[in-house]
Amino acid sequence: MGIHHFDLMRYVFDREPIAVEARTWNPSWGWHRGDAGHTAIFELEGGLIVTHHALGCSVGKQSPWNGEWRIEGPQGSITWEEDQIFRTSIEREHAGREQLPLDQVPPAQDAILQEFLDAVREGREPECSSRDNIRSLAMVFAGIRSDQERRRVEIAELLDE
């Protein structure tokens, strides 16, 4: 499931991945054959550091499909919680937490199919394409390699192979 979050990470920050350091595990109560959990530290272009943590056999409240996000900055943070966006500001005149409105968009599959059809009609590459998605897939395989080899892995190592 992480690849979907990696796609979102690239889209939200509009930056490409440079490297990753990751660890994976399967807790004693896990039912998966392979590792169900991971923590990954990604470096994106411009020195942006992003962490991703997931456990595929969590007990209790499950995370929403799009996960839960926290983006920290010098004036506060933006969080994605239960499919809602909140801004918390530390600036004096705007201090506090507020919920931000969401754009009204069609259901995800409808929007993706419409974009695909528009791209075919217009003779252009769709926003979601395998040519672009290969970078998100490289993030997955670089994370696996990082855990197996216990080292930081440059994304370019996989794109050059």
N, C-alpha and C. Protein backbone atom coordinates (compact mmCIF):
# COMPACT_ATOMS: atom_id res chain seq x y z
N MET A 1 0.82 -1.20 0.00
CA MET A 1 0.00 0.00 0.00
C MET A 1 0.86 1.26 0.00
N GLY A 2 2.09 1.15 0.44
CA GLY A 2 2.93 2.33 0.54
C GLY A 2 3.11 3.07 -0.77
N ILE A 3 3.07 2.36 -1.89
CA ILE A 3 3.29 3.03 -3.17
C ILE A 3 2.28 4.14 -3.41
N HIS A 4 1.04 3.95 -2.95
CA HIS A 4 0.02 4.99 -3.13
C HIS A 4 0.40 6.24 -2.33
N HIS A 5 0.92 6.04 -1.13
CA HIS A 5 1.35 7.17 -0.32
C HIS A 5 2.60 7.82 -0.93
N PHE A 6 3.46 7.01 -1.55
CA PHE A 6 4.66 7.57 -2.18
C PHE A 6 4.25 8.42 -3.39
N ASP A 7 3.24 7.96 -4.14
CA ASP A 7 2.70 8.79 -5.23
C ASP A 7 2.20 10.12 -4.69
N LEU A 8 1.42 10.05 -3.59
CA LEU A 8 0.89 11.27 -2.98
C LEU A 8 2.01 12.18 -2.49
N MET A 9 3.05 11.58 -1.91
CA MET A 9 4.18 12.34 -1.40
C MET A 9 4.83 13.15 -2.53
N ARG A 10 5.05 12.50 -3.65
CA ARG A 10 5.66 13.18 -4.80
C ARG A 10 4.74 14.28 -5.32
N TYR A 11 3.44 14.01 -5.33
CA TYR A 11 2.47 14.99 -5.84
C TYR A 11 2.34 16.19 -4.90
N VAL A 12 2.15 15.93 -3.60
CA VAL A 12 1.93 17.00 -2.63
C VAL A 12 3.13 17.93 -2.55
N PHE A 13 4.33 17.38 -2.52
CA PHE A 13 5.54 18.20 -2.37
C PHE A 13 6.11 18.64 -3.72
N ASP A 14 5.63 18.05 -4.81
CA ASP A 14 6.11 18.38 -6.16
C ASP A 14 7.63 18.30 -6.23
N ARG A 15 8.15 17.20 -5.66
CA ARG A 15 9.59 16.95 -5.66
C ARG A 15 9.82 15.47 -5.89
N GLU A 16 10.95 15.16 -6.50
CA GLU A 16 11.30 13.77 -6.76
C GLU A 16 12.18 13.21 -5.64
N PRO A 17 12.11 11.90 -5.40
CA PRO A 17 12.90 11.28 -4.35
C PRO A 17 14.37 11.16 -4.76
N ILE A 18 15.24 11.34 -3.78
CA ILE A 18 16.68 11.22 -4.00
C ILE A 18 17.21 9.93 -3.37
N ALA A 19 16.80 9.65 -2.11
CA ALA A 19 17.33 8.50 -1.38
C ALA A 19 16.37 8.10 -0.27
N VAL A 20 16.61 6.89 0.28
CA VAL A 20 15.78 6.39 1.38
C VAL A 20 16.63 5.54 2.33
N GLU A 21 16.27 5.61 3.60
CA GLU A 21 16.77 4.68 4.61
C GLU A 21 15.53 4.07 5.24
N ALA A 22 15.46 2.73 5.27
CA ALA A 22 14.23 2.08 5.74
C ALA A 22 14.52 0.85 6.58
N ARG A 23 13.58 0.54 7.45
CA ARG A 23 13.59 -0.70 8.23
C ARG A 23 12.20 -1.30 8.13
N THR A 24 12.15 -2.61 8.00
CA THR A 24 10.86 -3.31 7.93
C THR A 24 10.83 -4.39 9.01
N TRP A 25 9.62 -4.83 9.38
CA TRP A 25 9.47 -5.87 10.38
C TRP A 25 8.08 -6.47 10.29
N ASN A 26 7.90 -7.60 10.91
CA ASN A 26 6.59 -8.22 11.06
C ASN A 26 6.41 -8.49 12.54
N PRO A 27 5.47 -7.83 13.19
CA PRO A 27 5.28 -8.04 14.61
C PRO A 27 4.84 -9.48 14.91
N SER A 28 5.05 -9.89 16.14
CA SER A 28 4.74 -11.27 16.54
C SER A 28 3.27 -11.61 16.31
N TRP A 29 2.37 -10.62 16.37
CA TRP A 29 0.95 -10.89 16.15
C TRP A 29 0.55 -10.79 14.68
N GLY A 30 1.50 -10.44 13.83
CA GLY A 30 1.19 -10.26 12.41
C GLY A 30 0.88 -11.57 11.71
N TRP A 31 0.06 -11.50 10.70
CA TRP A 31 -0.35 -12.68 9.95
C TRP A 31 0.23 -12.70 8.54
N HIS A 32 1.05 -11.73 8.23
CA HIS A 32 1.62 -11.63 6.89
C HIS A 32 2.82 -12.56 6.73
N ARG A 33 3.05 -13.02 5.52
CA ARG A 33 4.23 -13.82 5.24
C ARG A 33 5.49 -12.96 5.32
N GLY A 34 5.40 -11.77 4.72
CA GLY A 34 6.53 -10.85 4.73
C GLY A 34 6.33 -9.80 5.80
N ASP A 35 7.20 -8.82 5.79
CA ASP A 35 7.12 -7.76 6.78
C ASP A 35 5.90 -6.87 6.55
N ALA A 36 5.13 -6.66 7.60
CA ALA A 36 3.90 -5.87 7.51
C ALA A 36 4.14 -4.41 7.91
N GLY A 37 5.28 -4.12 8.51
CA GLY A 37 5.54 -2.76 8.97
C GLY A 37 6.82 -2.19 8.39
N HIS A 38 6.83 -0.87 8.29
CA HIS A 38 8.07 -0.21 7.88
C HIS A 38 8.08 1.22 8.39
N THR A 39 9.29 1.72 8.53
CA THR A 39 9.53 3.14 8.72
C THR A 39 10.60 3.51 7.71
N ALA A 40 10.31 4.53 6.92
CA ALA A 40 11.24 4.95 5.88
C ALA A 40 11.48 6.45 6.00
N ILE A 41 12.72 6.84 5.83
CA ILE A 41 13.10 8.25 5.81
C ILE A 41 13.55 8.56 4.39
N PHE A 42 12.75 9.38 3.70
CA PHE A 42 13.06 9.75 2.33
C PHE A 42 13.68 11.14 2.29
N GLU A 43 14.67 11.29 1.43
CA GLU A 43 15.18 12.61 1.08
C GLU A 43 14.61 12.93 -0.29
N LEU A 44 13.94 14.08 -0.40
CA LEU A 44 13.42 14.53 -1.68
C LEU A 44 14.28 15.68 -2.19
N GLU A 45 14.08 16.05 -3.44
CA GLU A 45 14.83 17.16 -4.01
C GLU A 45 14.77 18.38 -3.09
N GLY A 46 15.85 19.13 -3.07
CA GLY A 46 15.91 20.34 -2.27
C GLY A 46 16.19 20.06 -0.79
N GLY A 47 16.54 18.81 -0.44
CA GLY A 47 16.87 18.48 0.94
C GLY A 47 15.66 18.25 1.84
N LEU A 48 14.46 18.16 1.27
CA LEU A 48 13.26 17.92 2.07
C LEU A 48 13.29 16.49 2.62
N ILE A 49 13.08 16.35 3.92
CA ILE A 49 13.06 15.04 4.57
C ILE A 49 11.62 14.68 4.90
N VAL A 50 11.22 13.46 4.51
CA VAL A 50 9.87 12.97 4.75
C VAL A 50 9.96 11.58 5.36
N THR A 51 9.24 11.36 6.45
CA THR A 51 9.19 10.02 7.04
C THR A 51 7.84 9.38 6.71
N HIS A 52 7.88 8.07 6.53
CA HIS A 52 6.65 7.31 6.28
C HIS A 52 6.68 6.09 7.18
N HIS A 53 5.62 5.93 7.95
CA HIS A 53 5.52 4.81 8.88
C HIS A 53 4.21 4.09 8.61
N ALA A 54 4.25 2.78 8.53
CA ALA A 54 3.03 2.01 8.30
C ALA A 54 3.13 0.65 8.96
N LEU A 55 1.99 0.13 9.40
CA LEU A 55 1.90 -1.21 9.95
C LEU A 55 0.61 -1.83 9.43
N GLY A 56 0.76 -2.84 8.60
CA GLY A 56 -0.38 -3.45 7.93
C GLY A 56 -1.20 -4.38 8.78
N CYS A 57 -0.85 -4.52 10.05
CA CYS A 57 -1.66 -5.38 10.93
C CYS A 57 -1.95 -4.66 12.25
N SER A 58 -2.25 -3.38 12.13
CA SER A 58 -2.57 -2.59 13.32
C SER A 58 -3.82 -3.14 14.00
N VAL A 59 -3.85 -3.03 15.30
CA VAL A 59 -5.01 -3.46 16.08
C VAL A 59 -5.76 -2.20 16.51
N GLY A 60 -7.07 -2.22 16.40
CA GLY A 60 -7.86 -1.05 16.81
C GLY A 60 -8.19 -0.17 15.63
N LYS A 61 -8.25 1.13 15.86
CA LYS A 61 -8.63 2.09 14.83
C LYS A 61 -7.68 2.00 13.64
N GLN A 62 -8.26 1.88 12.47
CA GLN A 62 -7.48 1.82 11.24
C GLN A 62 -7.32 3.23 10.66
N SER A 63 -6.20 3.46 10.01
CA SER A 63 -5.98 4.74 9.33
C SER A 63 -6.88 4.82 8.10
N PRO A 64 -7.29 6.02 7.73
CA PRO A 64 -8.04 6.17 6.47
C PRO A 64 -7.17 5.74 5.28
N TRP A 65 -7.81 5.49 4.15
CA TRP A 65 -7.13 5.04 2.94
C TRP A 65 -5.93 5.91 2.61
N ASN A 66 -6.07 7.23 2.73
CA ASN A 66 -4.98 8.14 2.37
C ASN A 66 -4.01 8.39 3.51
N GLY A 67 -4.16 7.66 4.61
CA GLY A 67 -3.24 7.79 5.73
C GLY A 67 -3.51 9.04 6.55
N GLU A 68 -2.59 9.34 7.42
CA GLU A 68 -2.63 10.55 8.23
C GLU A 68 -1.29 11.25 8.03
N TRP A 69 -1.33 12.54 7.74
CA TRP A 69 -0.14 13.30 7.39
C TRP A 69 0.09 14.43 8.39
N ARG A 70 1.35 14.78 8.56
CA ARG A 70 1.72 15.96 9.34
C ARG A 70 2.88 16.62 8.61
N ILE A 71 2.68 17.87 8.22
CA ILE A 71 3.70 18.63 7.51
C ILE A 71 4.08 19.81 8.41
N GLU A 72 5.33 19.85 8.81
CA GLU A 72 5.84 20.87 9.73
C GLU A 72 6.57 21.97 8.97
N GLY A 73 6.39 23.20 9.38
CA GLY A 73 7.09 24.32 8.79
C GLY A 73 7.38 25.37 9.82
N PRO A 74 8.07 26.44 9.45
CA PRO A 74 8.49 27.45 10.42
C PRO A 74 7.33 28.25 11.03
N GLN A 75 6.18 28.31 10.36
CA GLN A 75 5.04 29.06 10.90
C GLN A 75 3.95 28.16 11.48
N GLY A 76 4.17 26.83 11.48
CA GLY A 76 3.15 25.93 12.02
C GLY A 76 3.13 24.61 11.29
N SER A 77 1.94 23.99 11.22
CA SER A 77 1.83 22.69 10.58
C SER A 77 0.51 22.56 9.84
N ILE A 78 0.49 21.62 8.93
CA ILE A 78 -0.73 21.21 8.23
C ILE A 78 -0.87 19.72 8.49
N THR A 79 -2.05 19.30 8.90
CA THR A 79 -2.28 17.88 9.13
C THR A 79 -3.46 17.39 8.31
N TRP A 80 -3.38 16.13 7.93
CA TRP A 80 -4.45 15.43 7.24
C TRP A 80 -4.90 14.36 8.20
N GLU A 81 -6.10 14.53 8.76
CA GLU A 81 -6.61 13.63 9.79
C GLU A 81 -8.03 13.21 9.41
N GLU A 82 -8.26 11.90 9.34
CA GLU A 82 -9.61 11.41 9.03
C GLU A 82 -10.18 12.08 7.79
N ASP A 83 -9.35 12.23 6.77
CA ASP A 83 -9.74 12.84 5.49
C ASP A 83 -10.19 14.30 5.64
N GLN A 84 -9.63 15.01 6.60
CA GLN A 84 -9.86 16.44 6.80
C GLN A 84 -8.50 17.13 6.93
N ILE A 85 -8.43 18.40 6.52
CA ILE A 85 -7.18 19.16 6.59
C ILE A 85 -7.30 20.23 7.66
N PHE A 86 -6.25 20.33 8.49
CA PHE A 86 -6.18 21.34 9.54
C PHE A 86 -4.87 22.10 9.43
N ARG A 87 -4.94 23.40 9.71
CA ARG A 87 -3.74 24.23 9.76
C ARG A 87 -3.60 24.74 11.19
N THR A 88 -2.41 24.58 11.73
CA THR A 88 -2.11 25.10 13.06
C THR A 88 -0.99 26.12 12.89
N SER A 89 -1.26 27.35 13.29
CA SER A 89 -0.31 28.44 13.10
C SER A 89 0.27 28.89 14.44
N ILE A 90 1.53 29.28 14.41
CA ILE A 90 2.15 29.81 15.62
C ILE A 90 2.38 31.31 15.52
N GLU A 91 2.00 31.89 14.37
CA GLU A 91 2.13 33.34 14.22
C GLU A 91 1.15 34.04 15.16
N ARG A 92 1.58 35.09 15.81
CA ARG A 92 0.77 35.76 16.83
C ARG A 92 -0.63 36.12 16.37
N GLU A 93 -0.73 36.81 15.25
CA GLU A 93 -2.05 37.28 14.82
C GLU A 93 -2.93 36.15 14.26
N HIS A 94 -2.35 35.00 13.94
CA HIS A 94 -3.12 33.90 13.38
C HIS A 94 -2.95 32.61 14.18
N ALA A 95 -2.50 32.70 15.41
CA ALA A 95 -2.21 31.51 16.21
C ALA A 95 -3.48 30.68 16.41
N GLY A 96 -3.29 29.38 16.39
CA GLY A 96 -4.41 28.47 16.64
C GLY A 96 -4.56 27.45 15.53
N ARG A 97 -5.62 26.67 15.67
CA ARG A 97 -5.89 25.57 14.75
C ARG A 97 -7.22 25.82 14.04
N GLU A 98 -7.22 25.61 12.72
CA GLU A 98 -8.46 25.78 11.96
C GLU A 98 -8.57 24.67 10.93
N GLN A 99 -9.80 24.27 10.67
CA GLN A 99 -10.05 23.29 9.62
C GLN A 99 -10.15 24.01 8.28
N LEU A 100 -9.52 23.47 7.26
CA LEU A 100 -9.53 24.07 5.93
C LEU A 100 -10.55 23.34 5.05
N PRO A 101 -11.23 24.07 4.18
CA PRO A 101 -12.21 23.42 3.30
C PRO A 101 -11.52 22.55 2.26
N LEU A 102 -12.17 21.47 1.88
CA LEU A 102 -11.66 20.58 0.84
C LEU A 102 -12.26 20.97 -0.51
N ASP A 103 -11.48 20.81 -1.56
CA ASP A 103 -12.02 21.01 -2.90
C ASP A 103 -13.08 19.95 -3.17
N GLN A 104 -14.10 20.31 -3.91
CA GLN A 104 -15.12 19.35 -4.31
C GLN A 104 -14.66 18.70 -5.61
N VAL A 105 -14.40 17.41 -5.54
CA VAL A 105 -13.94 16.66 -6.71
C VAL A 105 -14.79 15.40 -6.87
N PRO A 106 -14.84 14.86 -8.08
CA PRO A 106 -15.59 13.62 -8.27
C PRO A 106 -14.89 12.47 -7.55
N PRO A 107 -15.59 11.37 -7.33
CA PRO A 107 -14.94 10.20 -6.71
C PRO A 107 -13.66 9.85 -7.46
N ALA A 108 -12.66 9.34 -6.74
CA ALA A 108 -11.31 9.13 -7.28
C ALA A 108 -11.30 8.36 -8.59
N GLN A 109 -11.98 7.23 -8.67
CA GLN A 109 -11.93 6.44 -9.89
C GLN A 109 -12.55 7.21 -11.06
N ASP A 110 -13.63 7.95 -10.81
CA ASP A 110 -14.25 8.74 -11.88
C ASP A 110 -13.27 9.79 -12.40
N ALA A 111 -12.59 10.47 -11.50
CA ALA A 111 -11.64 11.52 -11.91
C ALA A 111 -10.47 10.92 -12.68
N ILE A 112 -9.97 9.78 -12.24
CA ILE A 112 -8.83 9.14 -12.92
C ILE A 112 -9.24 8.68 -14.31
N LEU A 113 -10.41 8.06 -14.44
CA LEU A 113 -10.88 7.61 -15.75
C LEU A 113 -11.13 8.79 -16.68
N GLN A 114 -11.69 9.87 -16.14
CA GLN A 114 -11.93 11.05 -16.97
C GLN A 114 -10.62 11.65 -17.46
N GLU A 115 -9.62 11.71 -16.59
CA GLU A 115 -8.30 12.22 -16.98
C GLU A 115 -7.71 11.34 -18.08
N PHE A 116 -7.84 10.03 -17.94
CA PHE A 116 -7.32 9.11 -18.96
C PHE A 116 -8.01 9.35 -20.30
N LEU A 117 -9.34 9.43 -20.28
CA LEU A 117 -10.08 9.66 -21.52
C LEU A 117 -9.71 11.01 -22.15
N ASP A 118 -9.58 12.04 -21.33
CA ASP A 118 -9.18 13.36 -21.84
C ASP A 118 -7.80 13.30 -22.49
N ALA A 119 -6.87 12.57 -21.87
CA ALA A 119 -5.52 12.46 -22.41
C ALA A 119 -5.53 11.74 -23.75
N VAL A 120 -6.33 10.67 -23.86
CA VAL A 120 -6.43 9.95 -25.14
C VAL A 120 -6.99 10.87 -26.21
N ARG A 121 -8.08 11.58 -25.87
CA ARG A 121 -8.71 12.49 -26.84
C ARG A 121 -7.76 13.62 -27.27
N GLU A 122 -6.95 14.11 -26.32
CA GLU A 122 -6.06 15.24 -26.59
C GLU A 122 -4.68 14.82 -27.08
N GLY A 123 -4.43 13.50 -27.13
CA GLY A 123 -3.14 13.00 -27.61
C GLY A 123 -1.97 13.35 -26.71
N ARG A 124 -2.19 13.31 -25.41
CA ARG A 124 -1.12 13.64 -24.47
C ARG A 124 -1.00 12.52 -23.42
N GLU A 125 0.09 12.57 -22.68
CA GLU A 125 0.28 11.60 -21.60
C GLU A 125 -0.64 11.95 -20.43
N PRO A 126 -1.34 10.97 -19.86
CA PRO A 126 -2.22 11.27 -18.71
C PRO A 126 -1.39 11.64 -17.48
N GLU A 127 -2.04 12.33 -16.56
CA GLU A 127 -1.35 12.74 -15.33
C GLU A 127 -0.76 11.54 -14.60
N CYS A 128 -1.49 10.44 -14.54
CA CYS A 128 -1.01 9.19 -13.92
C CYS A 128 -0.58 8.26 -15.05
N SER A 129 0.73 8.05 -15.19
CA SER A 129 1.23 7.18 -16.26
C SER A 129 2.33 6.29 -15.70
N SER A 130 2.57 5.19 -16.39
CA SER A 130 3.63 4.29 -15.94
C SER A 130 4.99 4.95 -16.04
N ARG A 131 5.17 5.85 -17.01
CA ARG A 131 6.44 6.56 -17.16
C ARG A 131 6.75 7.38 -15.89
N ASP A 132 5.72 7.99 -15.33
CA ASP A 132 5.89 8.77 -14.10
C ASP A 132 5.90 7.86 -12.87
N ASN A 133 5.02 6.86 -12.86
CA ASN A 133 4.86 6.00 -11.69
C ASN A 133 6.10 5.17 -11.39
N ILE A 134 6.98 5.01 -12.36
CA ILE A 134 8.19 4.21 -12.14
C ILE A 134 9.03 4.79 -11.00
N ARG A 135 8.96 6.10 -10.79
CA ARG A 135 9.72 6.73 -9.70
C ARG A 135 9.13 6.33 -8.34
N SER A 136 7.82 6.22 -8.25
CA SER A 136 7.19 5.77 -7.00
C SER A 136 7.52 4.30 -6.75
N LEU A 137 7.51 3.50 -7.81
CA LEU A 137 7.87 2.09 -7.68
C LEU A 137 9.33 1.95 -7.26
N ALA A 138 10.19 2.81 -7.79
CA ALA A 138 11.60 2.79 -7.38
C ALA A 138 11.73 3.09 -5.89
N MET A 139 10.85 3.94 -5.35
CA MET A 139 10.89 4.24 -3.91
C MET A 139 10.61 2.97 -3.10
N VAL A 140 9.67 2.16 -3.57
CA VAL A 140 9.34 0.90 -2.89
C VAL A 140 10.55 -0.02 -2.89
N PHE A 141 11.11 -0.27 -4.07
CA PHE A 141 12.23 -1.19 -4.17
C PHE A 141 13.49 -0.66 -3.49
N ALA A 142 13.69 0.64 -3.48
CA ALA A 142 14.84 1.22 -2.76
C ALA A 142 14.66 1.03 -1.26
N GLY A 143 13.41 1.17 -0.77
CA GLY A 143 13.15 0.92 0.65
C GLY A 143 13.44 -0.52 1.03
N ILE A 144 13.05 -1.47 0.18
CA ILE A 144 13.32 -2.89 0.44
C ILE A 144 14.82 -3.13 0.47
N ARG A 145 15.53 -2.58 -0.52
CA ARG A 145 16.99 -2.75 -0.57
C ARG A 145 17.65 -2.12 0.65
N SER A 146 17.17 -0.96 1.05
CA SER A 146 17.74 -0.29 2.22
C SER A 146 17.64 -1.18 3.45
N ASP A 147 16.48 -1.78 3.65
CA ASP A 147 16.31 -2.67 4.81
C ASP A 147 17.21 -3.90 4.68
N GLN A 148 17.23 -4.53 3.53
CA GLN A 148 18.02 -5.75 3.35
C GLN A 148 19.51 -5.50 3.51
N GLU A 149 19.98 -4.36 3.00
CA GLU A 149 21.42 -4.08 3.03
C GLU A 149 21.81 -3.16 4.17
N ARG A 150 20.82 -2.73 4.96
CA ARG A 150 21.05 -1.85 6.12
C ARG A 150 21.88 -0.63 5.76
N ARG A 151 21.41 0.08 4.70
CA ARG A 151 22.14 1.27 4.25
C ARG A 151 21.18 2.23 3.56
N ARG A 152 21.65 3.47 3.39
CA ARG A 152 20.92 4.46 2.60
C ARG A 152 21.03 4.05 1.13
N VAL A 153 19.91 4.10 0.43
CA VAL A 153 19.90 3.72 -0.98
C VAL A 153 19.48 4.93 -1.82
N GLU A 154 20.29 5.24 -2.80
CA GLU A 154 19.97 6.31 -3.74
C GLU A 154 18.93 5.77 -4.73
N ILE A 155 17.90 6.53 -4.98
CA ILE A 155 16.84 6.11 -5.90
C ILE A 155 17.42 5.87 -7.29
N ALA A 156 18.40 6.67 -7.68
CA ALA A 156 19.02 6.53 -9.01
C ALA A 156 19.63 5.15 -9.22
N GLU A 157 20.03 4.48 -8.12
CA GLU A 157 20.58 3.12 -8.25
C GLU A 157 19.59 2.20 -8.94
N LEU A 158 18.30 2.37 -8.63
CA LEU A 158 17.28 1.49 -9.22
C LEU A 158 16.83 1.96 -10.59
N LEU A 159 16.82 3.25 -10.81
CA LEU A 159 16.39 3.77 -12.11
C LEU A 159 17.43 3.52 -13.18
N ASP A 160 18.70 3.35 -12.78
CA ASP A 160 19.77 3.11 -13.73
C ASP A 160 19.93 1.63 -14.08
N GLU A 161 19.30 0.75 -13.29
CA GLU A 161 19.48 -0.71 -13.51
C GLU A 161 18.72 -1.20 -14.70
